[in-house]
Amino acid sequence: MFYADMSSERLSIPQYAMALAHVASLRSEDPFRKVGAAALDFDNRVIGTAYNGLAPGFDAPFGFWDDREGRQKFMLHAEVNLCSLFKRGEAKVIATTTMPCTACMQTLCAYGVKEIYYRDVYKKSDAPEIAKVYGIKLEQVSDYPLQALEQ
């Protein structure tokens, strides 16, 4: 149904960015929460994609993934990994499959991001309040092509 409706229409920028973030999330090694993120510049060109996981080159020891609470402090968030791909002021749009946590939202503010789109709500986050204070557009996007395939 979604593709029938979309076949004659072009994806919006938020839908496009969210689809990219969704695909990036598929690379996450975290069995409990797979988060992907995508960054677009001021011309809506892709700067990069990233996902949550361990530091590059780190091989988790046996049993590492079994302790969800214990391993959380070692996980690098998708937004942090994404910010390593651009300089301050280069990214206008960020899409992430989960609303940024408070620390990631602060980081995105520091990088001068103007619009943030997310799919899933993260209730432990102060992102909505931070976005309001800094004048950043924070909006939920749940209608994009890959989301329709999962339903």
C-alpha atoms as a PDB file:
ATOM      1  CA  MET A   1       0.000   0.000   0.000  1.00  0.00           C
ATOM      2  CA  PHE A   2       2.734   2.465   0.915  1.00  0.00           C
ATOM      3  CA  TYR A   3       4.626   1.831  -2.304  1.00  0.00           C
ATOM      4  CA  ALA A   4       1.467   2.175  -4.370  1.00  0.00           C
ATOM      5  CA  ASP A   5       0.936   5.604  -2.867  1.00  0.00           C
ATOM      6  CA  MET A   6       4.622   6.529  -3.148  1.00  0.00           C
ATOM      7  CA  SER A   7       5.216   5.288  -6.707  1.00  0.00           C
ATOM      8  CA  SER A   8       4.194   8.591  -8.224  1.00  0.00           C
ATOM      9  CA  GLU A   9       5.515  10.793  -5.432  1.00  0.00           C
ATOM     10  CA  ARG A  10       9.007  11.709  -4.407  1.00  0.00           C
ATOM     11  CA  LEU A  11      10.103  10.946  -0.851  1.00  0.00           C
ATOM     12  CA  SER A  12      10.244  13.954   1.437  1.00  0.00           C
ATOM     13  CA  ILE A  13      13.635  14.830   2.912  1.00  0.00           C
ATOM     14  CA  PRO A  14      12.627  13.519   6.384  1.00  0.00           C
ATOM     15  CA  GLN A  15      11.428  10.225   4.821  1.00  0.00           C
ATOM     16  CA  TYR A  16      14.622   9.921   2.773  1.00  0.00           C
ATOM     17  CA  ALA A  17      16.858  10.580   5.762  1.00  0.00           C
ATOM     18  CA  MET A  18      14.874   8.185   7.961  1.00  0.00           C
ATOM     19  CA  ALA A  19      15.126   5.407   5.369  1.00  0.00           C
ATOM     20  CA  LEU A  20      18.914   5.897   5.360  1.00  0.00           C
ATOM     21  CA  ALA A  21      19.008   5.808   9.170  1.00  0.00           C
ATOM     22  CA  HIS A  22      16.915   2.645   9.155  1.00  0.00           C
ATOM     23  CA  VAL A  23      19.323   0.874   6.791  1.00  0.00           C
ATOM     24  CA  ALA A  24      22.287   2.002   8.931  1.00  0.00           C
ATOM     25  CA  SER A  25      20.625   0.503  12.034  1.00  0.00           C
ATOM     26  CA  LEU A  26      20.815  -2.928  10.403  1.00  0.00           C
ATOM     27  CA  ARG A  27      24.615  -2.821  10.885  1.00  0.00           C
ATOM     28  CA  SER A  28      24.390  -2.449  14.678  1.00  0.00           C
ATOM     29  CA  GLU A  29      25.857  -5.335  16.636  1.00  0.00           C
ATOM     30  CA  ASP A  30      23.739  -4.564  19.708  1.00  0.00           C
ATOM     31  CA  PRO A  31      21.138  -7.325  20.089  1.00  0.00           C
ATOM     32  CA  PHE A  32      18.907  -5.195  22.346  1.00  0.00           C
ATOM     33  CA  ARG A  33      18.683  -1.816  20.606  1.00  0.00           C
ATOM     34  CA  LYS A  34      19.688  -1.204  17.007  1.00  0.00           C
ATOM     35  CA  VAL A  35      19.939   2.510  16.283  1.00  0.00           C
ATOM     36  CA  GLY A  36      20.900   4.079  12.983  1.00  0.00           C
ATOM     37  CA  ALA A  37      21.462   7.704  12.046  1.00  0.00           C
ATOM     38  CA  ALA A  38      21.972   9.723   8.874  1.00  0.00           C
ATOM     39  CA  ALA A  39      23.230  13.268   8.281  1.00  0.00           C
ATOM     40  CA  LEU A  40      22.385  15.551   5.362  1.00  0.00           C
ATOM     41  CA  ASP A  41      24.017  18.859   4.509  1.00  0.00           C
ATOM     42  CA  PHE A  42      22.279  22.133   3.634  1.00  0.00           C
ATOM     43  CA  ASP A  43      21.726  20.921   0.049  1.00  0.00           C
ATOM     44  CA  ASN A  44      20.180  17.672   1.362  1.00  0.00           C
ATOM     45  CA  ARG A  45      23.179  15.630   0.233  1.00  0.00           C
ATOM     46  CA  VAL A  46      24.207  12.683   2.374  1.00  0.00           C
ATOM     47  CA  ILE A  47      27.174  13.399   4.630  1.00  0.00           C
ATOM     48  CA  GLY A  48      27.162   9.957   6.182  1.00  0.00           C
ATOM     49  CA  THR A  49      25.392   7.233   8.095  1.00  0.00           C
ATOM     50  CA  ALA A  50      26.262   5.548  11.379  1.00  0.00           C
ATOM     51  CA  TYR A  51      24.911   3.118  13.950  1.00  0.00           C
ATOM     52  CA  ASN A  52      25.343   2.270  17.623  1.00  0.00           C
ATOM     53  CA  GLY A  53      28.020  -0.198  18.568  1.00  0.00           C
ATOM     54  CA  LEU A  54      31.456  -0.738  19.988  1.00  0.00           C
ATOM     55  CA  ALA A  55      34.526   1.262  19.023  1.00  0.00           C
ATOM     56  CA  PRO A  56      35.939   0.277  15.629  1.00  0.00           C
ATOM     57  CA  GLY A  57      38.293  -2.682  15.874  1.00  0.00           C
ATOM     58  CA  PHE A  58      37.148  -3.728  19.356  1.00  0.00           C
ATOM     59  CA  ASP A  59      36.188  -7.378  19.612  1.00  0.00           C
ATOM     60  CA  ALA A  60      33.775  -8.019  22.462  1.00  0.00           C
ATOM     61  CA  PRO A  61      34.790 -10.832  24.807  1.00  0.00           C
ATOM     62  CA  PHE A  62      32.613 -13.926  25.144  1.00  0.00           C
ATOM     63  CA  GLY A  63      29.413 -13.158  27.069  1.00  0.00           C
ATOM     64  CA  PHE A  64      29.716  -9.407  26.598  1.00  0.00           C
ATOM     65  CA  TRP A  65      26.283  -9.065  24.976  1.00  0.00           C
ATOM     66  CA  ASP A  66      24.554 -11.130  27.677  1.00  0.00           C
ATOM     67  CA  ASP A  67      24.773  -8.361  30.291  1.00  0.00           C
ATOM     68  CA  ARG A  68      22.637  -5.549  28.896  1.00  0.00           C
ATOM     69  CA  GLU A  69      23.194  -3.210  31.846  1.00  0.00           C
ATOM     70  CA  GLY A  70      26.922  -3.900  32.073  1.00  0.00           C
ATOM     71  CA  ARG A  71      27.683  -3.333  28.404  1.00  0.00           C
ATOM     72  CA  GLN A  72      25.742  -0.063  28.009  1.00  0.00           C
ATOM     73  CA  LYS A  73      28.579   2.146  29.204  1.00  0.00           C
ATOM     74  CA  PHE A  74      30.804   0.792  26.425  1.00  0.00           C
ATOM     75  CA  MET A  75      28.358   1.420  23.581  1.00  0.00           C
ATOM     76  CA  LEU A  76      28.936   4.366  21.273  1.00  0.00           C
ATOM     77  CA  HIS A  77      25.648   5.964  20.269  1.00  0.00           C
ATOM     78  CA  ALA A  78      24.758   6.299  16.593  1.00  0.00           C
ATOM     79  CA  GLU A  79      24.630  10.097  16.870  1.00  0.00           C
ATOM     80  CA  VAL A  80      28.143  10.281  18.346  1.00  0.00           C
ATOM     81  CA  ASN A  81      29.495   8.001  15.623  1.00  0.00           C
ATOM     82  CA  LEU A  82      27.713  10.149  13.039  1.00  0.00           C
ATOM     83  CA  CYS A  83      29.147  13.425  14.362  1.00  0.00           C
ATOM     84  CA  SER A  84      32.643  12.029  13.821  1.00  0.00           C
ATOM     85  CA  LEU A  85      31.939  12.265  10.072  1.00  0.00           C
ATOM     86  CA  PHE A  86      31.394  16.022   9.795  1.00  0.00           C
ATOM     87  CA  LYS A  87      32.485  19.385  11.178  1.00  0.00           C
ATOM     88  CA  ARG A  88      30.394  21.851  13.139  1.00  0.00           C
ATOM     89  CA  GLY A  89      27.934  23.651  10.871  1.00  0.00           C
ATOM     90  CA  GLU A  90      28.095  21.113   8.014  1.00  0.00           C
ATOM     91  CA  ALA A  91      24.990  19.065   8.892  1.00  0.00           C
ATOM     92  CA  LYS A  92      21.534  20.571   8.686  1.00  0.00           C
ATOM     93  CA  VAL A  93      19.419  17.413   9.036  1.00  0.00           C
ATOM     94  CA  ILE A  94      19.892  14.393  11.266  1.00  0.00           C
ATOM     95  CA  ALA A  95      17.574  11.404  11.195  1.00  0.00           C
ATOM     96  CA  THR A  96      17.861   8.751  13.866  1.00  0.00           C
ATOM     97  CA  THR A  97      15.772   5.664  14.459  1.00  0.00           C
ATOM     98  CA  THR A  98      15.471   6.509  18.169  1.00  0.00           C
ATOM     99  CA  MET A  99      15.019   9.976  19.651  1.00  0.00           C
ATOM    100  CA  PRO A 100      18.436  11.235  20.791  1.00  0.00           C
ATOM    101  CA  CYS A 101      19.222  10.766  24.465  1.00  0.00           C
ATOM    102  CA  THR A 102      19.935  13.926  26.440  1.00  0.00           C
ATOM    103  CA  ALA A 103      23.717  13.758  25.903  1.00  0.00           C
ATOM    104  CA  CYS A 104      23.384  13.094  22.165  1.00  0.00           C
ATOM    105  CA  MET A 105      20.909  15.951  21.817  1.00  0.00           C
ATOM    106  CA  GLN A 106      23.416  18.252  23.510  1.00  0.00           C
ATOM    107  CA  THR A 107      26.100  17.039  21.107  1.00  0.00           C
ATOM    108  CA  LEU A 108      23.875  17.650  18.080  1.00  0.00           C
ATOM    109  CA  CYS A 109      23.222  21.184  19.367  1.00  0.00           C
ATOM    110  CA  ALA A 110      26.968  21.766  19.663  1.00  0.00           C
ATOM    111  CA  TYR A 111      27.362  20.666  16.025  1.00  0.00           C
ATOM    112  CA  GLY A 112      24.801  23.236  14.860  1.00  0.00           C
ATOM    113  CA  VAL A 113      22.199  20.784  13.559  1.00  0.00           C
ATOM    114  CA  LYS A 114      18.938  22.549  12.604  1.00  0.00           C
ATOM    115  CA  GLU A 115      16.483  19.640  12.112  1.00  0.00           C
ATOM    116  CA  ILE A 116      16.300  16.272  13.848  1.00  0.00           C
ATOM    117  CA  TYR A 117      13.914  13.526  12.840  1.00  0.00           C
ATOM    118  CA  TYR A 118      13.382  10.347  14.830  1.00  0.00           C
ATOM    119  CA  ARG A 119      11.219   7.237  14.554  1.00  0.00           C
ATOM    120  CA  ASP A 120      10.943   5.838  18.095  1.00  0.00           C
ATOM    121  CA  VAL A 121      10.349   7.877  21.245  1.00  0.00           C
ATOM    122  CA  TYR A 122      12.959   7.589  23.993  1.00  0.00           C
ATOM    123  CA  LYS A 123      11.163   8.498  27.207  1.00  0.00           C
ATOM    124  CA  LYS A 124      14.335   9.024  29.292  1.00  0.00           C
ATOM    125  CA  SER A 125      15.432  11.892  27.036  1.00  0.00           C
ATOM    126  CA  ASP A 126      15.254  15.640  27.550  1.00  0.00           C
ATOM    127  CA  ALA A 127      15.602  16.125  23.776  1.00  0.00           C
ATOM    128  CA  PRO A 128      12.213  17.866  23.309  1.00  0.00           C
ATOM    129  CA  GLU A 129      13.013  20.485  25.943  1.00  0.00           C
ATOM    130  CA  ILE A 130      16.552  21.009  24.618  1.00  0.00           C
ATOM    131  CA  ALA A 131      15.277  21.349  21.033  1.00  0.00           C
ATOM    132  CA  LYS A 132      12.727  23.935  22.105  1.00  0.00           C
ATOM    133  CA  VAL A 133      15.308  26.066  23.936  1.00  0.00           C
ATOM    134  CA  TYR A 134      17.770  25.957  21.012  1.00  0.00           C
ATOM    135  CA  GLY A 135      15.133  26.386  18.287  1.00  0.00           C
ATOM    136  CA  ILE A 136      15.849  23.029  16.671  1.00  0.00           C
ATOM    137  CA  LYS A 137      13.097  21.267  14.780  1.00  0.00           C
ATOM    138  CA  LEU A 138      12.512  17.868  16.450  1.00  0.00           C
ATOM    139  CA  GLU A 139       9.876  15.761  14.741  1.00  0.00           C
ATOM    140  CA  GLN A 140       8.779  12.142  14.707  1.00  0.00           C
ATOM    141  CA  VAL A 141       8.741  10.391  11.311  1.00  0.00           C
ATOM    142  CA  SER A 142       7.204   6.945  11.122  1.00  0.00           C
ATOM    143  CA  ASP A 143       5.976   6.882   7.530  1.00  0.00           C
ATOM    144  CA  TYR A 144       8.830   5.922   5.189  1.00  0.00           C
ATOM    145  CA  PRO A 145       9.321   3.036   2.731  1.00  0.00           C
ATOM    146  CA  LEU A 146      11.364   0.622   4.835  1.00  0.00           C
ATOM    147  CA  GLN A 147       9.048   1.048   7.820  1.00  0.00           C
ATOM    148  CA  ALA A 148       6.148  -0.121   5.666  1.00  0.00           C
ATOM    149  CA  LEU A 149       8.024  -3.324   4.769  1.00  0.00           C
ATOM    150  CA  GLU A 150       8.266  -4.326   8.444  1.00  0.00           C
ATOM    151  CA  GLN A 151       4.533  -4.073   9.072  1.00  0.00           C
END
